[in-house]
Amino acid sequence: MSESTGRRRQLEGVVVSAKSAKTVVVQVERRRRHPLYQRVVRHSTRYHAHDESNQITAGTRVRIEESRPLSRLKRWSVIAVLD
């Protein structure tokens, strides 16, 4: 089996929940222009990310990176705290 040669995706978002052990829920907001009405529309997606230190609290801005599957929902890891 060969490794993928592409870089892992990185996203920035805000932690909305830190209630689970070593897991945070990060909400990533994207803005894009509506194709017909030309108005900027906000889309948000929530990702479960691994927090090894278990020190991140809700409201913190973080950068997450794709990783191997760590559990049923976790496919991302926190790599940096931005605030």
N, C-alpha and C. Protein backbone atom coordinates (compact mmCIF):
# COMPACT_ATOMS: atom_id res chain seq x y z
N MET A 1 0.85 -1.18 0.00
CA MET A 1 0.00 0.00 0.00
C MET A 1 0.89 1.24 0.00
N SER A 2 0.60 2.20 -0.83
CA SER A 2 1.44 3.40 -0.91
C SER A 2 0.80 4.56 -0.18
N GLU A 3 1.66 5.45 0.30
CA GLU A 3 1.19 6.66 0.97
C GLU A 3 0.71 7.66 -0.08
N SER A 4 -0.26 8.48 0.30
CA SER A 4 -0.69 9.52 -0.63
C SER A 4 0.38 10.60 -0.67
N THR A 5 0.56 11.20 -1.82
CA THR A 5 1.63 12.17 -1.98
C THR A 5 1.16 13.60 -1.71
N GLY A 6 -0.15 13.81 -1.60
CA GLY A 6 -0.67 15.15 -1.39
C GLY A 6 -0.51 15.61 0.04
N ARG A 7 -0.58 16.91 0.24
CA ARG A 7 -0.52 17.48 1.57
C ARG A 7 -1.84 17.26 2.29
N ARG A 8 -1.80 17.24 3.58
CA ARG A 8 -3.03 17.13 4.37
C ARG A 8 -3.72 18.48 4.42
N ARG A 9 -5.04 18.44 4.35
CA ARG A 9 -5.80 19.70 4.41
C ARG A 9 -5.71 20.30 5.80
N GLN A 10 -5.67 21.63 5.87
CA GLN A 10 -5.69 22.35 7.13
C GLN A 10 -6.82 23.36 7.09
N LEU A 11 -7.53 23.48 8.20
CA LEU A 11 -8.64 24.41 8.32
C LEU A 11 -8.52 25.19 9.62
N GLU A 12 -9.14 26.37 9.67
CA GLU A 12 -9.18 27.16 10.90
C GLU A 12 -10.62 27.32 11.32
N GLY A 13 -10.85 27.25 12.63
CA GLY A 13 -12.21 27.38 13.13
C GLY A 13 -12.21 27.67 14.62
N VAL A 14 -13.42 27.71 15.18
CA VAL A 14 -13.62 28.02 16.59
C VAL A 14 -14.14 26.78 17.29
N VAL A 15 -13.59 26.50 18.47
CA VAL A 15 -14.04 25.36 19.26
C VAL A 15 -15.40 25.70 19.85
N VAL A 16 -16.40 24.86 19.57
CA VAL A 16 -17.75 25.10 20.09
C VAL A 16 -18.08 24.15 21.24
N SER A 17 -17.33 23.05 21.40
CA SER A 17 -17.55 22.13 22.50
C SER A 17 -16.25 21.43 22.84
N ALA A 18 -15.99 21.32 24.15
CA ALA A 18 -14.79 20.61 24.62
C ALA A 18 -15.17 19.68 25.76
N LYS A 19 -16.35 19.10 25.70
CA LYS A 19 -16.86 18.29 26.80
C LYS A 19 -16.34 16.87 26.80
N SER A 20 -15.95 16.34 25.66
CA SER A 20 -15.45 14.97 25.59
C SER A 20 -13.97 14.91 25.96
N ALA A 21 -13.52 13.75 26.38
CA ALA A 21 -12.12 13.57 26.74
C ALA A 21 -11.25 13.56 25.48
N LYS A 22 -10.26 14.45 25.43
CA LYS A 22 -9.31 14.56 24.33
C LYS A 22 -9.97 14.80 22.97
N THR A 23 -11.16 15.36 22.97
CA THR A 23 -11.87 15.66 21.73
C THR A 23 -12.47 17.05 21.82
N VAL A 24 -12.36 17.81 20.75
CA VAL A 24 -13.03 19.11 20.65
C VAL A 24 -13.84 19.12 19.37
N VAL A 25 -14.92 19.89 19.38
CA VAL A 25 -15.73 20.07 18.19
C VAL A 25 -15.42 21.46 17.65
N VAL A 26 -14.94 21.51 16.42
CA VAL A 26 -14.49 22.76 15.80
C VAL A 26 -15.47 23.12 14.70
N GLN A 27 -15.97 24.35 14.75
CA GLN A 27 -16.87 24.84 13.71
C GLN A 27 -16.09 25.71 12.74
N VAL A 28 -16.07 25.28 11.48
CA VAL A 28 -15.35 26.00 10.42
C VAL A 28 -16.38 26.71 9.56
N GLU A 29 -16.19 28.01 9.40
CA GLU A 29 -17.12 28.81 8.61
C GLU A 29 -16.49 29.17 7.27
N ARG A 30 -17.26 28.94 6.21
CA ARG A 30 -16.80 29.31 4.87
C ARG A 30 -17.75 30.33 4.30
N ARG A 31 -17.20 31.25 3.53
CA ARG A 31 -18.03 32.25 2.86
C ARG A 31 -17.87 32.07 1.37
N ARG A 32 -19.00 32.09 0.66
CA ARG A 32 -18.92 32.00 -0.80
C ARG A 32 -20.06 32.81 -1.39
N ARG A 33 -19.87 33.20 -2.62
CA ARG A 33 -20.87 34.02 -3.29
C ARG A 33 -21.95 33.14 -3.88
N HIS A 34 -23.20 33.52 -3.68
CA HIS A 34 -24.32 32.76 -4.23
C HIS A 34 -24.29 32.89 -5.75
N PRO A 35 -24.43 31.78 -6.49
CA PRO A 35 -24.27 31.85 -7.94
C PRO A 35 -25.32 32.69 -8.66
N LEU A 36 -26.52 32.75 -8.14
CA LEU A 36 -27.58 33.51 -8.80
C LEU A 36 -27.73 34.91 -8.23
N TYR A 37 -27.76 35.03 -6.91
CA TYR A 37 -28.07 36.31 -6.27
C TYR A 37 -26.84 37.14 -5.93
N GLN A 38 -25.65 36.60 -6.14
CA GLN A 38 -24.40 37.31 -5.95
C GLN A 38 -24.24 37.88 -4.54
N ARG A 39 -24.85 37.24 -3.57
CA ARG A 39 -24.72 37.67 -2.19
C ARG A 39 -23.80 36.69 -1.46
N VAL A 40 -23.01 37.18 -0.52
CA VAL A 40 -22.10 36.33 0.21
C VAL A 40 -22.91 35.53 1.23
N VAL A 41 -22.77 34.21 1.16
CA VAL A 41 -23.51 33.31 2.04
C VAL A 41 -22.51 32.58 2.93
N ARG A 42 -22.83 32.45 4.23
CA ARG A 42 -21.96 31.75 5.16
C ARG A 42 -22.41 30.29 5.29
N HIS A 43 -21.46 29.38 5.21
CA HIS A 43 -21.71 27.96 5.42
C HIS A 43 -20.81 27.52 6.57
N SER A 44 -21.32 26.71 7.48
CA SER A 44 -20.47 26.23 8.56
C SER A 44 -20.55 24.71 8.64
N THR A 45 -19.44 24.12 9.02
CA THR A 45 -19.31 22.67 9.17
C THR A 45 -18.63 22.40 10.50
N ARG A 46 -19.07 21.34 11.18
CA ARG A 46 -18.49 20.98 12.47
C ARG A 46 -17.65 19.72 12.31
N TYR A 47 -16.43 19.76 12.85
CA TYR A 47 -15.50 18.65 12.78
C TYR A 47 -15.11 18.24 14.20
N HIS A 48 -15.04 16.92 14.45
CA HIS A 48 -14.51 16.42 15.71
C HIS A 48 -12.99 16.28 15.53
N ALA A 49 -12.23 16.88 16.44
CA ALA A 49 -10.77 16.88 16.31
C ALA A 49 -10.13 16.39 17.60
N HIS A 50 -8.98 15.76 17.45
CA HIS A 50 -8.24 15.20 18.58
C HIS A 50 -7.41 16.29 19.25
N ASP A 51 -7.54 16.40 20.58
CA ASP A 51 -6.79 17.36 21.39
C ASP A 51 -6.00 16.57 22.43
N GLU A 52 -4.76 16.25 22.12
CA GLU A 52 -3.96 15.39 22.99
C GLU A 52 -3.75 15.98 24.37
N SER A 53 -3.56 17.30 24.46
CA SER A 53 -3.30 17.93 25.76
C SER A 53 -4.56 18.08 26.61
N ASN A 54 -5.73 18.04 25.98
CA ASN A 54 -7.01 18.17 26.68
C ASN A 54 -7.13 19.50 27.42
N GLN A 55 -6.48 20.56 26.91
CA GLN A 55 -6.47 21.86 27.57
C GLN A 55 -7.27 22.93 26.83
N ILE A 56 -7.75 22.64 25.64
CA ILE A 56 -8.45 23.64 24.84
C ILE A 56 -9.89 23.78 25.33
N THR A 57 -10.35 25.03 25.45
CA THR A 57 -11.70 25.29 25.93
C THR A 57 -12.56 25.88 24.81
N ALA A 58 -13.86 25.91 25.03
CA ALA A 58 -14.78 26.46 24.04
C ALA A 58 -14.48 27.94 23.80
N GLY A 59 -14.61 28.36 22.55
CA GLY A 59 -14.36 29.75 22.18
C GLY A 59 -12.96 30.00 21.67
N THR A 60 -12.09 29.02 21.74
CA THR A 60 -10.71 29.17 21.29
C THR A 60 -10.64 28.96 19.78
N ARG A 61 -9.84 29.80 19.11
CA ARG A 61 -9.64 29.65 17.67
C ARG A 61 -8.45 28.70 17.47
N VAL A 62 -8.64 27.67 16.61
CA VAL A 62 -7.60 26.66 16.42
C VAL A 62 -7.43 26.35 14.94
N ARG A 63 -6.29 25.71 14.62
CA ARG A 63 -6.04 25.18 13.28
C ARG A 63 -6.05 23.67 13.40
N ILE A 64 -6.80 23.00 12.50
CA ILE A 64 -6.88 21.54 12.53
C ILE A 64 -6.34 20.98 11.22
N GLU A 65 -5.88 19.72 11.28
CA GLU A 65 -5.29 19.08 10.12
C GLU A 65 -5.88 17.68 9.98
N GLU A 66 -6.07 17.25 8.73
CA GLU A 66 -6.56 15.90 8.46
C GLU A 66 -5.59 14.87 9.03
N SER A 67 -6.14 13.76 9.53
CA SER A 67 -5.30 12.69 10.04
C SER A 67 -5.97 11.35 9.73
N ARG A 68 -5.34 10.29 10.16
CA ARG A 68 -5.94 8.97 10.00
C ARG A 68 -7.17 8.88 10.91
N PRO A 69 -8.09 7.97 10.67
CA PRO A 69 -9.25 7.83 11.55
C PRO A 69 -8.81 7.44 12.97
N LEU A 70 -9.20 8.27 13.94
CA LEU A 70 -8.84 8.02 15.34
C LEU A 70 -9.99 7.39 16.11
N SER A 71 -11.20 7.59 15.65
CA SER A 71 -12.38 6.98 16.25
C SER A 71 -13.50 7.03 15.21
N ARG A 72 -14.71 6.76 15.64
CA ARG A 72 -15.83 6.74 14.69
C ARG A 72 -16.04 8.12 14.04
N LEU A 73 -15.82 9.19 14.78
CA LEU A 73 -16.07 10.53 14.24
C LEU A 73 -14.80 11.35 14.01
N LYS A 74 -13.71 11.03 14.69
CA LYS A 74 -12.52 11.88 14.61
C LYS A 74 -11.63 11.52 13.44
N ARG A 75 -11.48 12.48 12.53
CA ARG A 75 -10.55 12.36 11.40
C ARG A 75 -9.66 13.58 11.29
N TRP A 76 -9.63 14.41 12.31
CA TRP A 76 -8.86 15.65 12.33
C TRP A 76 -8.10 15.74 13.65
N SER A 77 -6.99 16.48 13.66
CA SER A 77 -6.20 16.72 14.87
C SER A 77 -5.92 18.20 14.98
N VAL A 78 -5.91 18.70 16.21
CA VAL A 78 -5.57 20.10 16.47
C VAL A 78 -4.07 20.23 16.38
N ILE A 79 -3.59 21.17 15.55
CA ILE A 79 -2.14 21.35 15.41
C ILE A 79 -1.66 22.67 15.98
N ALA A 80 -2.57 23.67 16.14
CA ALA A 80 -2.14 24.95 16.68
C ALA A 80 -3.32 25.68 17.31
N VAL A 81 -3.02 26.41 18.37
CA VAL A 81 -3.99 27.29 19.00
C VAL A 81 -3.68 28.69 18.52
N LEU A 82 -4.64 29.38 17.93
CA LEU A 82 -4.38 30.67 17.30
C LEU A 82 -4.66 31.86 18.22
N ASP A 83 -5.43 31.68 19.28
CA ASP A 83 -5.71 32.79 20.21
C ASP A 83 -4.80 32.76 21.39
